[in-house]
C-alpha atoms as a PDB file:
ATOM      1  CA  MET A   1     -61.110  -0.660   5.370  1.00  0.00           C
ATOM      2  CA  SER A   2     -61.370   2.853   5.050  1.00  0.00           C
ATOM      3  CA  GLN A   3     -58.069   3.239   7.238  1.00  0.00           C
ATOM      4  CA  ILE A   4     -56.361   0.315   5.052  1.00  0.00           C
ATOM      5  CA  LYS A   5     -57.188   2.822   2.089  1.00  0.00           C
ATOM      6  CA  LYS A   6     -55.910   5.947   3.544  1.00  0.00           C
ATOM      7  CA  VAL A   7     -52.707   4.036   4.671  1.00  0.00           C
ATOM      8  CA  LEU A   8     -52.219   2.956   0.961  1.00  0.00           C
ATOM      9  CA  ARG A   9     -53.083   6.167  -0.267  1.00  0.00           C
ATOM     10  CA  ASP A  10     -50.300   7.664   2.330  1.00  0.00           C
ATOM     11  CA  LEU A  11     -47.684   4.900   0.877  1.00  0.00           C
ATOM     12  CA  ALA A  12     -48.770   6.289  -2.719  1.00  0.00           C
ATOM     13  CA  ASP A  13     -48.758   9.510  -2.834  1.00  0.00           C
ATOM     14  CA  PRO A  14     -44.919  10.162  -2.988  1.00  0.00           C
ATOM     15  CA  LEU A  15     -44.441   8.396  -5.616  1.00  0.00           C
ATOM     16  CA  MET A  16     -46.894  10.478  -7.956  1.00  0.00           C
ATOM     17  CA  HIS A  17     -44.299  13.088  -7.192  1.00  0.00           C
ATOM     18  CA  VAL A  18     -41.804  14.107  -9.748  1.00  0.00           C
ATOM     19  CA  ASP A  19     -39.609  15.566  -6.782  1.00  0.00           C
ATOM     20  CA  PHE A  20     -39.430  11.838  -5.303  1.00  0.00           C
ATOM     21  CA  TYR A  21     -37.960  10.116  -8.489  1.00  0.00           C
ATOM     22  CA  GLN A  22     -35.071  13.185  -8.540  1.00  0.00           C
ATOM     23  CA  ASN A  23     -34.381  12.927  -4.741  1.00  0.00           C
ATOM     24  CA  ILE A  24     -33.819   9.068  -5.407  1.00  0.00           C
ATOM     25  CA  LEU A  25     -31.490   9.271  -8.422  1.00  0.00           C
ATOM     26  CA  THR A  26     -30.079  12.318  -7.193  1.00  0.00           C
ATOM     27  CA  LYS A  27     -28.898  10.237  -4.057  1.00  0.00           C
ATOM     28  CA  LEU A  28     -28.109   6.877  -5.926  1.00  0.00           C
ATOM     29  CA  LEU A  29     -25.749   9.171  -8.488  1.00  0.00           C
ATOM     30  CA  ILE A  30     -23.670  10.253  -4.926  1.00  0.00           C
ATOM     31  CA  ALA A  31     -23.594   7.137  -3.742  1.00  0.00           C
ATOM     32  CA  ALA A  32     -22.496   5.986  -7.335  1.00  0.00           C
ATOM     33  CA  ILE A  33     -19.747   8.633  -7.242  1.00  0.00           C
ATOM     34  CA  TYR A  34     -18.559   7.874  -3.704  1.00  0.00           C
ATOM     35  CA  ILE A  35     -18.282   4.601  -5.118  1.00  0.00           C
ATOM     36  CA  ILE A  36     -16.209   5.360  -7.818  1.00  0.00           C
ATOM     37  CA  LEU A  37     -14.150   7.765  -6.045  1.00  0.00           C
ATOM     38  CA  ALA A  38     -13.286   4.944  -3.308  1.00  0.00           C
ATOM     39  CA  ILE A  39     -12.333   2.665  -6.186  1.00  0.00           C
ATOM     40  CA  ILE A  40      -9.795   5.271  -7.392  1.00  0.00           C
ATOM     41  CA  VAL A  41      -8.563   5.902  -3.759  1.00  0.00           C
ATOM     42  CA  ILE A  42      -7.830   2.271  -3.039  1.00  0.00           C
ATOM     43  CA  ALA A  43      -5.900   1.805  -6.549  1.00  0.00           C
ATOM     44  CA  ILE A  44      -3.636   5.072  -6.040  1.00  0.00           C
ATOM     45  CA  SER A  45      -3.072   4.168  -2.321  1.00  0.00           C
ATOM     46  CA  ARG A  46      -2.179   0.651  -3.744  1.00  0.00           C
ATOM     47  CA  ARG A  47       0.203   1.798  -6.324  1.00  0.00           C
ATOM     48  CA  LEU A  48       1.906   4.201  -3.214  1.00  0.00           C
ATOM     49  CA  VAL A  49       2.311   1.712  -0.902  1.00  0.00           C
ATOM     50  CA  GLU A  50       3.768  -0.805  -3.169  1.00  0.00           C
ATOM     51  CA  LYS A  51       6.156   1.892  -4.571  1.00  0.00           C
ATOM     52  CA  PHE A  52       7.121   2.628  -0.941  1.00  0.00           C
ATOM     53  CA  PHE A  53       7.721  -0.969   0.282  1.00  0.00           C
ATOM     54  CA  LYS A  54       9.716  -2.093  -2.786  1.00  0.00           C
ATOM     55  CA  ALA A  55      11.551   1.631  -2.760  1.00  0.00           C
ATOM     56  CA  ASN A  56      12.870   0.713   1.064  1.00  0.00           C
ATOM     57  CA  ALA A  57      13.244  -3.212  -0.215  1.00  0.00           C
ATOM     58  CA  LYS A  58      16.407  -2.650  -2.702  1.00  0.00           C
ATOM     59  CA  LYS A  59      18.104  -1.454   0.548  1.00  0.00           C
ATOM     60  CA  LYS A  60      17.322  -4.450   2.405  1.00  0.00           C
ATOM     61  CA  SER A  61      18.126  -7.860   3.032  1.00  0.00           C
ATOM     62  CA  HIS A  62      16.341 -10.926   1.195  1.00  0.00           C
ATOM     63  CA  TYR A  63      14.672 -11.656   5.102  1.00  0.00           C
ATOM     64  CA  LYS A  64      13.293  -7.904   5.242  1.00  0.00           C
ATOM     65  CA  ILE A  65      12.557  -8.056   1.674  1.00  0.00           C
ATOM     66  CA  LYS A  66      10.000 -10.930   1.786  1.00  0.00           C
ATOM     67  CA  ARG A  67       8.669  -8.745   5.480  1.00  0.00           C
ATOM     68  CA  SER A  68       8.562  -5.783   3.660  1.00  0.00           C
ATOM     69  CA  GLU A  69       6.104  -8.025   1.025  1.00  0.00           C
ATOM     70  CA  THR A  70       3.734  -9.016   4.042  1.00  0.00           C
ATOM     71  CA  LEU A  71       3.249  -5.697   5.692  1.00  0.00           C
ATOM     72  CA  SER A  72       2.859  -4.297   1.949  1.00  0.00           C
ATOM     73  CA  THR A  73      -0.240  -7.118   1.585  1.00  0.00           C
ATOM     74  CA  LEU A  74      -1.536  -6.443   5.219  1.00  0.00           C
ATOM     75  CA  VAL A  75      -1.410  -2.264   4.713  1.00  0.00           C
ATOM     76  CA  GLN A  76      -3.154  -2.588   1.308  1.00  0.00           C
ATOM     77  CA  ASN A  77      -5.994  -5.156   2.669  1.00  0.00           C
ATOM     78  CA  VAL A  78      -6.347  -2.040   6.086  1.00  0.00           C
ATOM     79  CA  ILE A  79      -6.870   0.828   3.516  1.00  0.00           C
ATOM     80  CA  SER A  80      -9.238  -1.219   1.399  1.00  0.00           C
ATOM     81  CA  TYR A  81     -11.049  -1.790   5.084  1.00  0.00           C
ATOM     82  CA  ILE A  82     -11.378   1.935   5.745  1.00  0.00           C
ATOM     83  CA  VAL A  83     -12.045   3.214   2.693  1.00  0.00           C
ATOM     84  CA  TRP A  84     -14.859   0.787   2.192  1.00  0.00           C
ATOM     85  CA  PHE A  85     -15.947   1.692   5.945  1.00  0.00           C
ATOM     86  CA  ILE A  86     -16.333   5.333   5.248  1.00  0.00           C
ATOM     87  CA  VAL A  87     -17.900   4.955   1.884  1.00  0.00           C
ATOM     88  CA  VAL A  88     -20.796   2.978   3.141  1.00  0.00           C
ATOM     89  CA  THR A  89     -21.716   4.946   6.246  1.00  0.00           C
ATOM     90  CA  THR A  90     -21.334   7.987   4.287  1.00  0.00           C
ATOM     91  CA  ILE A  91     -24.122   6.562   1.335  1.00  0.00           C
ATOM     92  CA  LEU A  92     -26.415   5.051   4.290  1.00  0.00           C
ATOM     93  CA  SER A  93     -26.057   8.728   6.124  1.00  0.00           C
ATOM     94  CA  HIS A  94     -27.511  10.153   2.511  1.00  0.00           C
ATOM     95  CA  PHE A  95     -30.309   7.722   2.941  1.00  0.00           C
ATOM     96  CA  GLY A  96     -31.694   8.919   6.549  1.00  0.00           C
ATOM     97  CA  VAL A  97     -29.874   5.907   8.005  1.00  0.00           C
ATOM     98  CA  LYS A  98     -28.748   6.639  11.387  1.00  0.00           C
ATOM     99  CA  ILE A  99     -25.011   5.698  11.577  1.00  0.00           C
ATOM    100  CA  SER A 100     -24.813   6.380  15.438  1.00  0.00           C
ATOM    101  CA  ALA A 101     -27.567   3.936  16.293  1.00  0.00           C
ATOM    102  CA  ILE A 102     -26.169   1.717  14.097  1.00  0.00           C
ATOM    103  CA  LEU A 103     -22.445   1.416  15.563  1.00  0.00           C
ATOM    104  CA  ALA A 104     -23.814   1.621  18.998  1.00  0.00           C
ATOM    105  CA  GLY A 105     -25.615  -1.609  18.446  1.00  0.00           C
ATOM    106  CA  ALA A 106     -22.891  -3.009  16.915  1.00  0.00           C
ATOM    107  CA  GLY A 107     -20.906  -2.088  20.049  1.00  0.00           C
ATOM    108  CA  VAL A 108     -23.202  -4.123  21.796  1.00  0.00           C
ATOM    109  CA  VAL A 109     -23.186  -6.980  20.113  1.00  0.00           C
ATOM    110  CA  GLY A 110     -19.817  -6.820  19.169  1.00  0.00           C
ATOM    111  CA  LEU A 111     -19.328  -7.063  22.990  1.00  0.00           C
ATOM    112  CA  ALA A 112     -21.537  -9.551  23.522  1.00  0.00           C
ATOM    113  CA  VAL A 113     -20.065 -11.825  20.574  1.00  0.00           C
ATOM    114  CA  GLY A 114     -16.108 -10.904  22.227  1.00  0.00           C
ATOM    115  CA  PHE A 115     -17.491 -12.967  25.263  1.00  0.00           C
ATOM    116  CA  GLY A 116     -18.537 -16.004  23.071  1.00  0.00           C
ATOM    117  CA  ALA A 117     -15.338 -15.772  20.594  1.00  0.00           C
ATOM    118  CA  GLN A 118     -12.160 -15.358  22.503  1.00  0.00           C
ATOM    119  CA  THR A 119     -10.348 -17.920  20.707  1.00  0.00           C
ATOM    120  CA  ILE A 120     -10.978 -15.683  17.096  1.00  0.00           C
ATOM    121  CA  VAL A 121      -9.510 -12.313  19.420  1.00  0.00           C
ATOM    122  CA  LYS A 122      -6.851 -14.765  20.271  1.00  0.00           C
ATOM    123  CA  ASP A 123      -5.900 -15.585  16.580  1.00  0.00           C
ATOM    124  CA  LEU A 124      -5.916 -11.705  15.553  1.00  0.00           C
ATOM    125  CA  LEU A 125      -3.814 -10.683  18.069  1.00  0.00           C
ATOM    126  CA  THR A 126      -1.500 -13.217  17.722  1.00  0.00           C
ATOM    127  CA  GLY A 127      -1.438 -12.900  14.236  1.00  0.00           C
ATOM    128  CA  PHE A 128      -1.363  -9.211  14.504  1.00  0.00           C
ATOM    129  CA  PHE A 129       2.212 -10.001  16.244  1.00  0.00           C
ATOM    130  CA  ILE A 130       3.691 -12.290  14.289  1.00  0.00           C
ATOM    131  CA  ILE A 131       3.205 -10.003  11.021  1.00  0.00           C
ATOM    132  CA  PHE A 132       4.651  -6.802  12.829  1.00  0.00           C
ATOM    133  CA  GLU A 133       7.202  -8.353  14.924  1.00  0.00           C
ATOM    134  CA  GLY A 134       8.109 -10.260  11.411  1.00  0.00           C
ATOM    135  CA  GLN A 135       8.465 -14.009  13.200  1.00  0.00           C
ATOM    136  CA  PHE A 136       8.003 -15.167  10.163  1.00  0.00           C
ATOM    137  CA  ASP A 137       7.241 -14.224   6.417  1.00  0.00           C
ATOM    138  CA  VAL A 138       5.680 -15.783   3.032  1.00  0.00           C
ATOM    139  CA  SER A 139       7.934 -18.079   1.491  1.00  0.00           C
ATOM    140  CA  ASP A 140       9.557 -19.090   4.824  1.00  0.00           C
ATOM    141  CA  TYR A 141      10.516 -22.275   5.553  1.00  0.00           C
ATOM    142  CA  VAL A 142       9.099 -22.790   9.466  1.00  0.00           C
ATOM    143  CA  LYS A 143       8.557 -25.158  12.122  1.00  0.00           C
ATOM    144  CA  ILE A 144       5.068 -24.740  14.120  1.00  0.00           C
ATOM    145  CA  ASN A 145       5.062 -25.986  17.775  1.00  0.00           C
ATOM    146  CA  THR A 146       2.287 -26.252  20.379  1.00  0.00           C
ATOM    147  CA  SER A 147       3.457 -27.038  23.712  1.00  0.00           C
ATOM    148  CA  GLY A 148       6.471 -28.531  22.482  1.00  0.00           C
ATOM    149  CA  VAL A 149       4.681 -30.572  19.876  1.00  0.00           C
ATOM    150  CA  THR A 150       5.586 -30.510  16.018  1.00  0.00           C
ATOM    151  CA  ILE A 151       2.360 -29.334  14.204  1.00  0.00           C
ATOM    152  CA  ALA A 152       3.029 -28.462  10.977  1.00  0.00           C
ATOM    153  CA  GLU A 153       6.534 -28.037   9.045  1.00  0.00           C
ATOM    154  CA  GLY A 154       7.098 -26.405   5.644  1.00  0.00           C
ATOM    155  CA  THR A 155       6.663 -23.336   3.411  1.00  0.00           C
ATOM    156  CA  VAL A 156       4.677 -20.496   4.032  1.00  0.00           C
ATOM    157  CA  ARG A 157       1.948 -19.741   1.783  1.00  0.00           C
ATOM    158  CA  THR A 158      -0.049 -17.198   3.463  1.00  0.00           C
ATOM    159  CA  ILE A 159      -0.224 -15.267   6.754  1.00  0.00           C
ATOM    160  CA  GLY A 160      -3.288 -13.800   7.747  1.00  0.00           C
ATOM    161  CA  LEU A 161      -4.734 -11.927  11.151  1.00  0.00           C
ATOM    162  CA  ARG A 162      -6.586 -15.366  11.491  1.00  0.00           C
ATOM    163  CA  SER A 163      -4.976 -18.095  10.067  1.00  0.00           C
ATOM    164  CA  THR A 164      -1.562 -19.069   8.672  1.00  0.00           C
ATOM    165  CA  ARG A 165      -1.228 -21.477   5.367  1.00  0.00           C
ATOM    166  CA  ILE A 166       1.851 -23.447   5.233  1.00  0.00           C
ATOM    167  CA  GLN A 167       3.136 -26.308   2.784  1.00  0.00           C
ATOM    168  CA  SER A 168       4.841 -29.342   3.661  1.00  0.00           C
ATOM    169  CA  ASP A 169       7.413 -30.774   1.411  1.00  0.00           C
ATOM    170  CA  THR A 170       4.840 -33.699   0.051  1.00  0.00           C
ATOM    171  CA  GLY A 171       2.379 -30.732  -0.787  1.00  0.00           C
ATOM    172  CA  GLU A 172       0.150 -30.889   1.640  1.00  0.00           C
ATOM    173  CA  ILE A 173      -1.795 -27.755   3.171  1.00  0.00           C
ATOM    174  CA  TYR A 174      -1.935 -26.731   6.589  1.00  0.00           C
ATOM    175  CA  THR A 175      -4.550 -24.094   7.951  1.00  0.00           C
ATOM    176  CA  ILE A 176      -3.317 -22.934  11.493  1.00  0.00           C
ATOM    177  CA  PRO A 177      -4.873 -20.784  13.598  1.00  0.00           C
ATOM    178  CA  ASN A 178      -2.429 -18.458  14.656  1.00  0.00           C
ATOM    179  CA  GLY A 179      -3.760 -18.557  18.325  1.00  0.00           C
ATOM    180  CA  ALA A 180      -2.252 -22.174  18.181  1.00  0.00           C
ATOM    181  CA  ILE A 181       0.812 -21.270  17.303  1.00  0.00           C
ATOM    182  CA  SER A 182       2.856 -20.962  20.327  1.00  0.00           C
ATOM    183  CA  GLU A 183       6.674 -22.184  19.159  1.00  0.00           C
ATOM    184  CA  ILE A 184       8.134 -21.183  16.177  1.00  0.00           C
ATOM    185  CA  VAL A 185      11.208 -22.345  14.250  1.00  0.00           C
ATOM    186  CA  ASN A 186      12.300 -20.253  11.261  1.00  0.00           C
ATOM    187  CA  TYR A 187      14.849 -21.893   8.939  1.00  0.00           C
ATOM    188  CA  SER A 188      14.729 -19.048   6.718  1.00  0.00           C
ATOM    189  CA  ALA A 189      15.824 -16.117   8.782  1.00  0.00           C
ATOM    190  CA  THR A 190      19.371 -16.472   8.635  1.00  0.00           C
ATOM    191  CA  ASN A 191      22.112 -18.788   7.376  1.00  0.00           C
ATOM    192  CA  VAL A 192      21.710 -22.386   8.386  1.00  0.00           C
ATOM    193  CA  ALA A 193      23.724 -25.339   9.585  1.00  0.00           C
ATOM    194  CA  SER A 194      22.962 -28.327   9.438  1.00  0.00           C
ATOM    195  CA  LEU A 195      24.794 -31.767  10.601  1.00  0.00           C
ATOM    196  CA  VAL A 196      25.318 -34.200   8.319  1.00  0.00           C
ATOM    197  CA  MET A 197      26.861 -37.729   9.621  1.00  0.00           C
ATOM    198  CA  ILE A 198      29.089 -39.753   7.229  1.00  0.00           C
ATOM    199  CA  PRO A 199      29.379 -43.666   8.200  1.00  0.00           C
ATOM    200  CA  VAL A 200      32.521 -44.934   6.934  1.00  0.00           C
ATOM    201  CA  SER A 201      34.154 -48.912   7.467  1.00  0.00           C
ATOM    202  CA  PRO A 202      35.942 -49.130  11.187  1.00  0.00           C
ATOM    203  CA  HIS A 203      38.599 -50.749   9.032  1.00  0.00           C
ATOM    204  CA  GLU A 204      39.571 -47.644   7.402  1.00  0.00           C
ATOM    205  CA  ASP A 205      42.476 -45.186   8.444  1.00  0.00           C
ATOM    206  CA  TYR A 206      40.347 -42.046  10.085  1.00  0.00           C
ATOM    207  CA  ASP A 207      43.441 -39.970   9.775  1.00  0.00           C
ATOM    208  CA  LYS A 208      44.182 -40.141   6.175  1.00  0.00           C
ATOM    209  CA  ILE A 209      40.005 -39.768   5.463  1.00  0.00           C
ATOM    210  CA  GLU A 210      40.523 -36.802   7.583  1.00  0.00           C
ATOM    211  CA  GLN A 211      43.046 -35.351   5.667  1.00  0.00           C
ATOM    212  CA  LYS A 212      41.726 -35.933   2.316  1.00  0.00           C
ATOM    213  CA  LEU A 213      38.005 -34.188   3.701  1.00  0.00           C
ATOM    214  CA  VAL A 214      39.842 -31.143   4.919  1.00  0.00           C
ATOM    215  CA  ASN A 215      40.876 -30.762   1.033  1.00  0.00           C
ATOM    216  CA  PHE A 216      38.068 -31.852  -0.253  1.00  0.00           C
ATOM    217  CA  LEU A 217      35.058 -29.884   1.482  1.00  0.00           C
ATOM    218  CA  PRO A 218      36.466 -26.153   0.424  1.00  0.00           C
ATOM    219  CA  THR A 219      35.820 -27.250  -3.229  1.00  0.00           C
ATOM    220  CA  LEU A 220      32.171 -27.479  -2.463  1.00  0.00           C
ATOM    221  CA  THR A 221      31.161 -23.540  -2.771  1.00  0.00           C
ATOM    222  CA  ASP A 222      32.322 -23.318  -6.397  1.00  0.00           C
ATOM    223  CA  LYS A 223      30.126 -26.126  -7.270  1.00  0.00           C
ATOM    224  CA  HIS A 224      26.895 -25.317  -5.325  1.00  0.00           C
ATOM    225  CA  GLU A 225      25.460 -22.089  -4.364  1.00  0.00           C
ATOM    226  CA  GLU A 226      23.344 -23.327  -1.220  1.00  0.00           C
ATOM    227  CA  PHE A 227      26.427 -23.755   0.523  1.00  0.00           C
ATOM    228  CA  VAL A 228      27.610 -20.172   2.102  1.00  0.00           C
ATOM    229  CA  LYS A 229      31.283 -21.441   3.455  1.00  0.00           C
ATOM    230  CA  ALA A 230      32.787 -24.425   3.289  1.00  0.00           C
ATOM    231  CA  PRO A 231      31.294 -27.169   4.915  1.00  0.00           C
ATOM    232  CA  GLU A 232      33.698 -27.950   8.437  1.00  0.00           C
ATOM    233  CA  LEU A 233      34.361 -31.652   9.837  1.00  0.00           C
ATOM    234  CA  LEU A 234      34.192 -31.758  13.355  1.00  0.00           C
ATOM    235  CA  GLY A 235      35.630 -34.739  13.430  1.00  0.00           C
ATOM    236  CA  LEU A 236      34.945 -38.532  14.562  1.00  0.00           C
ATOM    237  CA  ASP A 237      31.495 -39.069  16.659  1.00  0.00           C
ATOM    238  CA  SER A 238      31.245 -42.056  17.363  1.00  0.00           C
ATOM    239  CA  VAL A 239      33.213 -45.621  16.709  1.00  0.00           C
ATOM    240  CA  ASP A 240      31.750 -49.391  17.227  1.00  0.00           C
ATOM    241  CA  GLY A 241      32.402 -52.678  15.513  1.00  0.00           C
ATOM    242  CA  ASN A 242      30.192 -51.887  12.695  1.00  0.00           C
ATOM    243  CA  GLU A 243      31.017 -48.429  11.464  1.00  0.00           C
ATOM    244  CA  MET A 244      32.699 -45.019  12.294  1.00  0.00           C
ATOM    245  CA  VAL A 245      30.926 -42.119  12.231  1.00  0.00           C
ATOM    246  CA  ILE A 246      32.367 -38.717  10.951  1.00  0.00           C
ATOM    247  CA  LYS A 247      30.502 -35.731  11.611  1.00  0.00           C
ATOM    248  CA  LEU A 248      30.243 -32.535   9.458  1.00  0.00           C
ATOM    249  CA  LEU A 249      29.169 -28.836   9.072  1.00  0.00           C
ATOM    250  CA  ALA A 250      26.770 -27.783   6.446  1.00  0.00           C
ATOM    251  CA  HIS A 251      27.051 -23.635   6.081  1.00  0.00           C
ATOM    252  CA  VAL A 252      24.034 -23.173   3.641  1.00  0.00           C
ATOM    253  CA  LYS A 253      21.560 -20.229   2.779  1.00  0.00           C
ATOM    254  CA  PRO A 254      18.455 -19.755   4.351  1.00  0.00           C
ATOM    255  CA  GLY A 255      15.475 -22.081   3.691  1.00  0.00           C
ATOM    256  CA  MET A 256      18.431 -24.494   2.299  1.00  0.00           C
ATOM    257  CA  HIS A 257      18.658 -26.439   4.963  1.00  0.00           C
ATOM    258  CA  PHE A 258      17.348 -29.952   3.304  1.00  0.00           C
ATOM    259  CA  PRO A 259      18.741 -29.383  -0.116  1.00  0.00           C
ATOM    260  CA  GLY A 260      22.565 -28.858   1.477  1.00  0.00           C
ATOM    261  CA  GLU A 261      22.162 -31.117   3.445  1.00  0.00           C
ATOM    262  CA  ARG A 262      21.556 -33.958   0.712  1.00  0.00           C
ATOM    263  CA  GLN A 263      24.045 -31.897  -1.766  1.00  0.00           C
ATOM    264  CA  LEU A 264      26.603 -32.590   0.907  1.00  0.00           C
ATOM    265  CA  ARG A 265      25.907 -36.202   1.826  1.00  0.00           C
ATOM    266  CA  LYS A 266      26.026 -36.886  -2.571  1.00  0.00           C
ATOM    267  CA  GLU A 267      29.087 -35.427  -2.996  1.00  0.00           C
ATOM    268  CA  VAL A 268      30.947 -36.955   0.145  1.00  0.00           C
ATOM    269  CA  LYS A 269      29.675 -40.458  -1.060  1.00  0.00           C
ATOM    270  CA  ARG A 270      30.517 -39.738  -4.945  1.00  0.00           C
ATOM    271  CA  PHE A 271      34.242 -38.445  -3.342  1.00  0.00           C
ATOM    272  CA  LEU A 272      34.575 -41.773  -1.036  1.00  0.00           C
ATOM    273  CA  ASP A 273      33.862 -44.161  -3.902  1.00  0.00           C
ATOM    274  CA  GLU A 274      36.575 -42.318  -6.149  1.00  0.00           C
ATOM    275  CA  GLU A 275      39.045 -42.436  -3.048  1.00  0.00           C
ATOM    276  CA  GLY A 276      37.797 -46.162  -2.563  1.00  0.00           C
ATOM    277  CA  ILE A 277      36.697 -45.857   1.158  1.00  0.00           C
ATOM    278  CA  GLU A 278      34.863 -48.576   2.191  1.00  0.00           C
ATOM    279  CA  VAL A 279      31.291 -47.848   3.834  1.00  0.00           C
ATOM    280  CA  PRO A 280      30.176 -49.873   6.476  1.00  0.00           C
ATOM    281  CA  LYS A 281      28.618 -53.503   5.696  1.00  0.00           C
ATOM    282  CA  PRO A 282      26.479 -55.632   7.769  1.00  0.00           C
ATOM    283  CA  THR A 283      28.073 -58.117   9.610  1.00  0.00           C
ATOM    284  CA  LEU A 284      26.984 -61.840   9.479  1.00  0.00           C
ATOM    285  CA  VAL A 285      27.052 -63.638  12.509  1.00  0.00           C
ATOM    286  CA  LYS A 286      27.002 -67.455  12.088  1.00  0.00           C
ATOM    287  CA  TYR A 287      25.288 -69.296  14.901  1.00  0.00           C
ATOM    288  CA  GLU A 288      26.437 -72.654  15.550  1.00  0.00           C
ATOM    289  CA  PRO A 289      24.773 -75.066  18.565  1.00  0.00           C
ATOM    290  CA  SER A 290      26.385 -76.477  20.949  1.00  0.00           C
ATOM    291  CA  GLU A 291      26.430 -80.489  21.340  1.00  0.00           C
ATOM    292  CA  GLY A 292      23.860 -80.256  23.964  1.00  0.00           C
ATOM    293  CA  GLU A 293      21.405 -77.986  22.508  1.00  0.00           C
END
């Protein structure tokens, strides 16, 4: 019992001195100052990073502007992590916590976790290279393949070091670990050329159709901003008893391949109707059994 009383007395003794509370208040005040400074430094650094990338973006193409936005967000996050790490370790050292021991223990734990989390490490490394190599950026339209199989197609919404989110045309959000991305088709990196097949009746005069389309296609660039230049007539792709298929090539802006294809089909269909050119019609074959059947 006497030993317990002694222990309690030793614990309560510092609480009876004013210096103890002054020391605690001083450390709390220092911690608050560090936190306020961290908030100010992060806010200023964010402004500087945004101004830096915006100033560079004015001299760049649309593709590089999107990459600048992605890099700007990443740099801001990295600065925030570094500042808060410094602040937390400094505050802990003021409270008498040995940071070196914590870092050494974290290193051992990190090494042990690393062996069991190789997938996460792969995701982070892949995400790092995706961002800094500019393979795709936020708002790009992409197709993501793994071992030749398409796992997602749509508009990139977010890019992180761990995963990427892609929204399909029908609204679904795909969250894909970066390590699972092996092949990327980026439709927004450069101007796109999309093939469009137009079927017409095989009874029409193809030479006349070709001449009319050659005169008509250049007019579409003034009507629709999707086209960077006049669609091309590549020629007659195939002919059979039911239809002739005319192949066109639409030159559209980055990310506008599907809207451009749809717009070209619509305009060509309207033009064919105005010119009285028939589209293929189903052929009915009447079957008459022979006398022996």
